[in-house]
Amino acid sequence: MNEASISTEKRQSPRVKTSIPVRYRELRDGAEAVGVGSLTSNVSTGGLRFGTDQFISTARRLILEFDIPSLTQPIKAVSQVAWIQKANGADDYQYQVGSQFMEITRKDQELIGKYLNGL
């Protein structure tokens, strides 16, 4: 096997391209941040990618709520910003953010997996 074929992929679960509504706010001690709406670019049982016009530090944790079609309640999770990059000119947002779920119920992870398997 040559070096070019070695994957540097660190994700434990594959991401699936989606465009579903997501709301996020920074998790801060004692301060309630205002939620911001966006759309996902992709989702997995381990995290998601979304667009934003705000720079978010990779040191930040976010409270996420996103709406999976056919579910009556949003999925809720605490995530860690894994990376942020400047979006290309074709994007609707200035930045793309990759986030990893840190706190999510097993039930919500199963609901995400069921939704993604149905796509």
N, C-alpha and C. Protein backbone atom coordinates (compact mmCIF):
# COMPACT_ATOMS: atom_id res chain seq x y z
N MET A 1 0.86 -1.18 0.00
CA MET A 1 0.00 0.00 0.00
C MET A 1 0.90 1.23 0.00
N ASN A 2 0.67 2.16 -0.93
CA ASN A 2 1.48 3.36 -0.96
C ASN A 2 0.89 4.43 -0.05
N GLU A 3 1.69 5.46 0.26
CA GLU A 3 1.25 6.50 1.19
C GLU A 3 0.04 7.26 0.68
N ALA A 4 -0.10 7.42 -0.62
CA ALA A 4 -1.22 8.19 -1.18
C ALA A 4 -2.56 7.53 -0.91
N SER A 5 -2.57 6.21 -0.72
CA SER A 5 -3.84 5.52 -0.51
C SER A 5 -4.23 5.41 0.97
N ILE A 6 -3.37 5.88 1.87
CA ILE A 6 -3.69 5.84 3.29
C ILE A 6 -4.62 7.00 3.62
N SER A 7 -5.73 6.67 4.24
CA SER A 7 -6.72 7.69 4.57
C SER A 7 -6.37 8.38 5.88
N THR A 8 -6.61 9.69 5.91
CA THR A 8 -6.42 10.44 7.14
C THR A 8 -7.76 10.73 7.80
N GLU A 9 -8.81 10.05 7.37
CA GLU A 9 -10.15 10.23 7.91
C GLU A 9 -10.18 9.83 9.37
N LYS A 10 -10.67 10.73 10.23
CA LYS A 10 -10.73 10.48 11.66
C LYS A 10 -12.14 10.17 12.14
N ARG A 11 -13.14 10.35 11.30
CA ARG A 11 -14.53 10.14 11.71
C ARG A 11 -14.80 8.66 11.91
N GLN A 12 -15.63 8.37 12.92
CA GLN A 12 -16.03 7.00 13.17
C GLN A 12 -17.29 6.63 12.40
N SER A 13 -18.05 7.63 11.98
CA SER A 13 -19.27 7.36 11.21
C SER A 13 -19.30 8.28 10.00
N PRO A 14 -19.68 7.75 8.84
CA PRO A 14 -19.67 8.54 7.62
C PRO A 14 -20.73 9.65 7.64
N ARG A 15 -20.39 10.76 7.01
CA ARG A 15 -21.33 11.88 6.90
C ARG A 15 -22.14 11.71 5.62
N VAL A 16 -23.41 12.12 5.71
CA VAL A 16 -24.31 12.06 4.56
C VAL A 16 -24.73 13.48 4.22
N LYS A 17 -24.66 13.81 2.94
CA LYS A 17 -25.03 15.15 2.49
C LYS A 17 -26.51 15.41 2.78
N THR A 18 -26.78 16.50 3.51
CA THR A 18 -28.15 16.86 3.87
C THR A 18 -28.27 18.38 3.91
N SER A 19 -29.47 18.84 3.89
CA SER A 19 -29.74 20.27 4.05
C SER A 19 -30.97 20.40 4.94
N ILE A 20 -30.73 20.31 6.25
CA ILE A 20 -31.84 20.40 7.20
C ILE A 20 -31.59 21.56 8.16
N PRO A 21 -32.65 22.17 8.67
CA PRO A 21 -32.49 23.31 9.58
C PRO A 21 -31.77 22.92 10.87
N VAL A 22 -30.85 23.77 11.28
CA VAL A 22 -30.13 23.59 12.55
C VAL A 22 -30.06 24.94 13.26
N ARG A 23 -30.22 24.90 14.57
CA ARG A 23 -30.06 26.10 15.40
C ARG A 23 -28.92 25.82 16.36
N TYR A 24 -28.10 26.83 16.58
CA TYR A 24 -26.98 26.63 17.50
C TYR A 24 -26.78 27.86 18.36
N ARG A 25 -26.20 27.63 19.51
CA ARG A 25 -25.77 28.73 20.37
C ARG A 25 -24.56 28.24 21.15
N GLU A 26 -23.71 29.18 21.51
CA GLU A 26 -22.51 28.83 22.25
C GLU A 26 -22.86 28.47 23.67
N LEU A 27 -22.22 27.44 24.19
CA LEU A 27 -22.41 27.02 25.57
C LEU A 27 -21.43 27.84 26.41
N ARG A 28 -21.99 28.69 27.25
CA ARG A 28 -21.16 29.58 28.08
C ARG A 28 -21.61 29.48 29.53
N ASP A 29 -20.68 29.63 30.45
CA ASP A 29 -21.00 29.61 31.87
C ASP A 29 -21.79 30.85 32.25
N GLY A 30 -23.02 30.65 32.70
CA GLY A 30 -23.82 31.74 33.24
C GLY A 30 -24.42 32.70 32.23
N ALA A 31 -24.05 32.61 30.97
CA ALA A 31 -24.58 33.55 29.97
C ALA A 31 -25.37 32.78 28.92
N GLU A 32 -26.56 33.20 28.69
CA GLU A 32 -27.41 32.56 27.68
C GLU A 32 -27.21 33.27 26.35
N ALA A 33 -26.61 32.60 25.40
CA ALA A 33 -26.36 33.18 24.08
C ALA A 33 -27.61 33.03 23.22
N VAL A 34 -27.79 33.94 22.30
CA VAL A 34 -28.92 33.90 21.38
C VAL A 34 -28.67 32.82 20.34
N GLY A 35 -29.70 32.04 20.01
CA GLY A 35 -29.57 30.99 19.01
C GLY A 35 -29.53 31.56 17.60
N VAL A 36 -28.80 30.89 16.74
CA VAL A 36 -28.64 31.31 15.36
C VAL A 36 -29.10 30.16 14.46
N GLY A 37 -29.86 30.48 13.41
CA GLY A 37 -30.33 29.46 12.49
C GLY A 37 -29.40 29.26 11.31
N SER A 38 -29.37 28.04 10.79
CA SER A 38 -28.52 27.72 9.65
C SER A 38 -29.08 26.46 8.99
N LEU A 39 -28.31 25.93 8.04
CA LEU A 39 -28.64 24.67 7.38
C LEU A 39 -27.43 23.76 7.44
N THR A 40 -27.68 22.46 7.60
CA THR A 40 -26.57 21.51 7.58
C THR A 40 -26.09 21.31 6.15
N SER A 41 -24.82 20.93 6.02
CA SER A 41 -24.27 20.49 4.74
C SER A 41 -24.19 18.97 4.72
N ASN A 42 -23.88 18.41 5.90
CA ASN A 42 -23.88 16.96 6.05
C ASN A 42 -24.08 16.62 7.52
N VAL A 43 -24.50 15.37 7.75
CA VAL A 43 -24.81 14.90 9.09
C VAL A 43 -24.35 13.46 9.22
N SER A 44 -23.93 13.08 10.43
CA SER A 44 -23.66 11.68 10.75
C SER A 44 -24.14 11.45 12.18
N THR A 45 -24.03 10.23 12.64
CA THR A 45 -24.41 9.98 14.03
C THR A 45 -23.39 10.56 15.00
N GLY A 46 -22.25 11.01 14.48
CA GLY A 46 -21.21 11.57 15.34
C GLY A 46 -21.04 13.07 15.26
N GLY A 47 -21.73 13.74 14.34
CA GLY A 47 -21.58 15.18 14.22
C GLY A 47 -22.23 15.71 12.96
N LEU A 48 -22.01 17.00 12.72
CA LEU A 48 -22.57 17.61 11.51
C LEU A 48 -21.74 18.80 11.08
N ARG A 49 -22.00 19.23 9.85
CA ARG A 49 -21.36 20.40 9.25
C ARG A 49 -22.45 21.39 8.90
N PHE A 50 -22.21 22.67 9.20
CA PHE A 50 -23.19 23.70 8.87
C PHE A 50 -22.48 24.99 8.51
N GLY A 51 -23.24 25.90 7.88
CA GLY A 51 -22.71 27.19 7.48
C GLY A 51 -23.09 28.26 8.49
N THR A 52 -22.25 29.30 8.57
CA THR A 52 -22.52 30.43 9.45
C THR A 52 -21.79 31.66 8.93
N ASP A 53 -22.29 32.82 9.33
CA ASP A 53 -21.60 34.07 9.01
C ASP A 53 -20.74 34.54 10.17
N GLN A 54 -20.75 33.79 11.27
CA GLN A 54 -19.96 34.14 12.45
C GLN A 54 -18.76 33.22 12.57
N PHE A 55 -17.61 33.80 12.95
CA PHE A 55 -16.46 32.96 13.25
C PHE A 55 -16.68 32.33 14.62
N ILE A 56 -16.50 31.02 14.71
CA ILE A 56 -16.65 30.30 15.98
C ILE A 56 -15.33 29.60 16.26
N SER A 57 -14.76 29.85 17.41
CA SER A 57 -13.48 29.26 17.79
C SER A 57 -13.62 27.75 17.97
N THR A 58 -12.55 27.02 17.64
CA THR A 58 -12.55 25.57 17.85
C THR A 58 -12.51 25.22 19.34
N ALA A 59 -12.31 26.20 20.19
CA ALA A 59 -12.35 25.97 21.64
C ALA A 59 -13.78 25.97 22.17
N ARG A 60 -14.75 26.27 21.32
CA ARG A 60 -16.14 26.44 21.75
C ARG A 60 -16.93 25.14 21.70
N ARG A 61 -17.85 25.05 22.64
CA ARG A 61 -18.88 24.02 22.62
C ARG A 61 -20.18 24.70 22.21
N LEU A 62 -20.99 23.98 21.47
CA LEU A 62 -22.26 24.51 20.99
C LEU A 62 -23.41 23.64 21.45
N ILE A 63 -24.54 24.27 21.68
CA ILE A 63 -25.79 23.55 21.89
C ILE A 63 -26.49 23.56 20.53
N LEU A 64 -26.75 22.38 20.00
CA LEU A 64 -27.37 22.23 18.69
C LEU A 64 -28.77 21.68 18.82
N GLU A 65 -29.66 22.16 17.97
CA GLU A 65 -30.99 21.58 17.80
C GLU A 65 -31.21 21.52 16.29
N PHE A 66 -31.57 20.35 15.80
CA PHE A 66 -31.85 20.26 14.37
C PHE A 66 -33.06 19.39 14.11
N ASP A 67 -33.72 19.71 13.01
CA ASP A 67 -35.02 19.14 12.69
C ASP A 67 -34.91 18.08 11.61
N ILE A 68 -35.06 16.85 12.00
CA ILE A 68 -35.07 15.76 11.03
C ILE A 68 -36.50 15.62 10.50
N PRO A 69 -36.64 15.61 9.19
CA PRO A 69 -37.99 15.44 8.62
C PRO A 69 -38.66 14.20 9.20
N SER A 70 -39.92 14.29 9.44
CA SER A 70 -40.80 13.23 9.97
C SER A 70 -40.74 13.10 11.49
N LEU A 71 -39.84 13.80 12.17
CA LEU A 71 -39.82 13.78 13.63
C LEU A 71 -40.54 15.01 14.16
N THR A 72 -41.27 14.83 15.25
CA THR A 72 -42.02 15.95 15.81
C THR A 72 -41.18 16.79 16.78
N GLN A 73 -40.12 16.20 17.32
CA GLN A 73 -39.24 16.91 18.25
C GLN A 73 -37.86 17.06 17.62
N PRO A 74 -37.18 18.19 17.88
CA PRO A 74 -35.83 18.34 17.33
C PRO A 74 -34.83 17.44 18.05
N ILE A 75 -33.76 17.11 17.37
CA ILE A 75 -32.63 16.41 17.96
C ILE A 75 -31.81 17.46 18.70
N LYS A 76 -31.38 17.15 19.91
CA LYS A 76 -30.58 18.09 20.70
C LYS A 76 -29.27 17.45 21.07
N ALA A 77 -28.20 18.25 21.00
CA ALA A 77 -26.87 17.73 21.33
C ALA A 77 -25.95 18.88 21.75
N VAL A 78 -24.96 18.54 22.55
CA VAL A 78 -23.86 19.46 22.82
C VAL A 78 -22.72 18.99 21.94
N SER A 79 -22.11 19.91 21.22
CA SER A 79 -21.03 19.53 20.31
C SER A 79 -19.80 20.40 20.54
N GLN A 80 -18.69 19.89 20.07
CA GLN A 80 -17.41 20.61 20.09
C GLN A 80 -17.11 21.02 18.66
N VAL A 81 -16.72 22.27 18.46
CA VAL A 81 -16.32 22.71 17.13
C VAL A 81 -14.99 22.02 16.81
N ALA A 82 -14.99 21.18 15.80
CA ALA A 82 -13.80 20.43 15.41
C ALA A 82 -12.92 21.22 14.45
N TRP A 83 -13.56 22.01 13.58
CA TRP A 83 -12.83 22.84 12.63
C TRP A 83 -13.76 23.92 12.09
N ILE A 84 -13.17 24.97 11.58
CA ILE A 84 -13.91 26.03 10.89
C ILE A 84 -13.06 26.47 9.72
N GLN A 85 -13.70 26.71 8.59
CA GLN A 85 -12.95 27.17 7.41
C GLN A 85 -13.75 28.22 6.67
N LYS A 86 -13.04 29.11 6.02
CA LYS A 86 -13.67 30.13 5.21
C LYS A 86 -14.37 29.44 4.05
N ALA A 87 -15.61 29.82 3.81
CA ALA A 87 -16.38 29.19 2.74
C ALA A 87 -15.93 29.73 1.38
N ASN A 88 -16.16 28.93 0.35
CA ASN A 88 -15.84 29.43 -0.99
C ASN A 88 -16.95 30.37 -1.44
N GLY A 89 -16.74 31.08 -2.48
CA GLY A 89 -17.69 32.09 -2.96
C GLY A 89 -19.06 31.56 -3.33
N ALA A 90 -19.19 30.25 -3.57
CA ALA A 90 -20.47 29.67 -3.97
C ALA A 90 -21.39 29.41 -2.77
N ASP A 91 -20.83 29.43 -1.57
CA ASP A 91 -21.63 29.15 -0.37
C ASP A 91 -22.49 30.35 0.02
N ASP A 92 -23.58 30.07 0.72
CA ASP A 92 -24.46 31.13 1.23
C ASP A 92 -23.93 31.75 2.51
N TYR A 93 -22.94 31.11 3.12
CA TYR A 93 -22.38 31.56 4.39
C TYR A 93 -20.90 31.88 4.25
N GLN A 94 -20.36 32.66 5.21
CA GLN A 94 -18.94 33.02 5.17
C GLN A 94 -18.03 31.88 5.64
N TYR A 95 -18.56 31.03 6.55
CA TYR A 95 -17.76 29.95 7.13
C TYR A 95 -18.53 28.64 7.07
N GLN A 96 -17.78 27.55 7.03
CA GLN A 96 -18.31 26.20 7.22
C GLN A 96 -17.70 25.67 8.52
N VAL A 97 -18.55 25.05 9.35
CA VAL A 97 -18.14 24.56 10.66
C VAL A 97 -18.39 23.07 10.75
N GLY A 98 -17.39 22.34 11.19
CA GLY A 98 -17.55 20.92 11.48
C GLY A 98 -17.64 20.75 12.99
N SER A 99 -18.68 20.05 13.44
CA SER A 99 -18.84 19.87 14.88
C SER A 99 -19.03 18.40 15.21
N GLN A 100 -18.48 18.00 16.34
CA GLN A 100 -18.56 16.62 16.81
C GLN A 100 -19.47 16.58 18.04
N PHE A 101 -20.43 15.65 18.03
CA PHE A 101 -21.32 15.51 19.17
C PHE A 101 -20.53 15.04 20.39
N MET A 102 -20.69 15.74 21.49
CA MET A 102 -20.04 15.36 22.75
C MET A 102 -21.06 14.78 23.73
N GLU A 103 -22.27 15.35 23.71
CA GLU A 103 -23.34 14.88 24.59
C GLU A 103 -24.62 14.78 23.76
N ILE A 104 -25.08 13.54 23.57
CA ILE A 104 -26.30 13.29 22.82
C ILE A 104 -26.87 11.97 23.34
N THR A 105 -28.18 11.88 23.41
CA THR A 105 -28.77 10.64 23.90
C THR A 105 -28.62 9.53 22.86
N ARG A 106 -28.58 8.31 23.36
CA ARG A 106 -28.49 7.15 22.46
C ARG A 106 -29.71 7.13 21.54
N LYS A 107 -30.88 7.49 22.08
CA LYS A 107 -32.10 7.52 21.28
C LYS A 107 -31.98 8.50 20.12
N ASP A 108 -31.45 9.71 20.39
CA ASP A 108 -31.29 10.70 19.32
C ASP A 108 -30.27 10.22 18.29
N GLN A 109 -29.19 9.57 18.72
CA GLN A 109 -28.23 9.02 17.76
C GLN A 109 -28.88 7.95 16.89
N GLU A 110 -29.72 7.11 17.50
CA GLU A 110 -30.42 6.08 16.73
C GLU A 110 -31.39 6.70 15.73
N LEU A 111 -32.08 7.79 16.13
CA LEU A 111 -32.99 8.47 15.22
C LEU A 111 -32.23 9.08 14.04
N ILE A 112 -31.06 9.64 14.30
CA ILE A 112 -30.22 10.18 13.22
C ILE A 112 -29.83 9.04 12.26
N GLY A 113 -29.35 7.93 12.82
CA GLY A 113 -28.94 6.79 12.00
C GLY A 113 -30.08 6.25 11.16
N LYS A 114 -31.26 6.16 11.74
CA LYS A 114 -32.43 5.68 11.00
C LYS A 114 -32.77 6.61 9.85
N TYR A 115 -32.72 7.92 10.12
CA TYR A 115 -32.99 8.91 9.06
C TYR A 115 -31.96 8.78 7.94
N LEU A 116 -30.69 8.70 8.29
CA LEU A 116 -29.63 8.64 7.27
C LEU A 116 -29.69 7.34 6.46
N ASN A 117 -30.05 6.25 7.10
CA ASN A 117 -30.18 4.97 6.38
C ASN A 117 -31.34 4.99 5.40
N GLY A 118 -32.33 5.85 5.65
CA GLY A 118 -33.48 5.95 4.76
C GLY A 118 -33.25 6.85 3.57
N LEU A 119 -32.12 7.57 3.53
CA LEU A 119 -31.84 8.47 2.40
C LEU A 119 -31.30 7.73 1.20
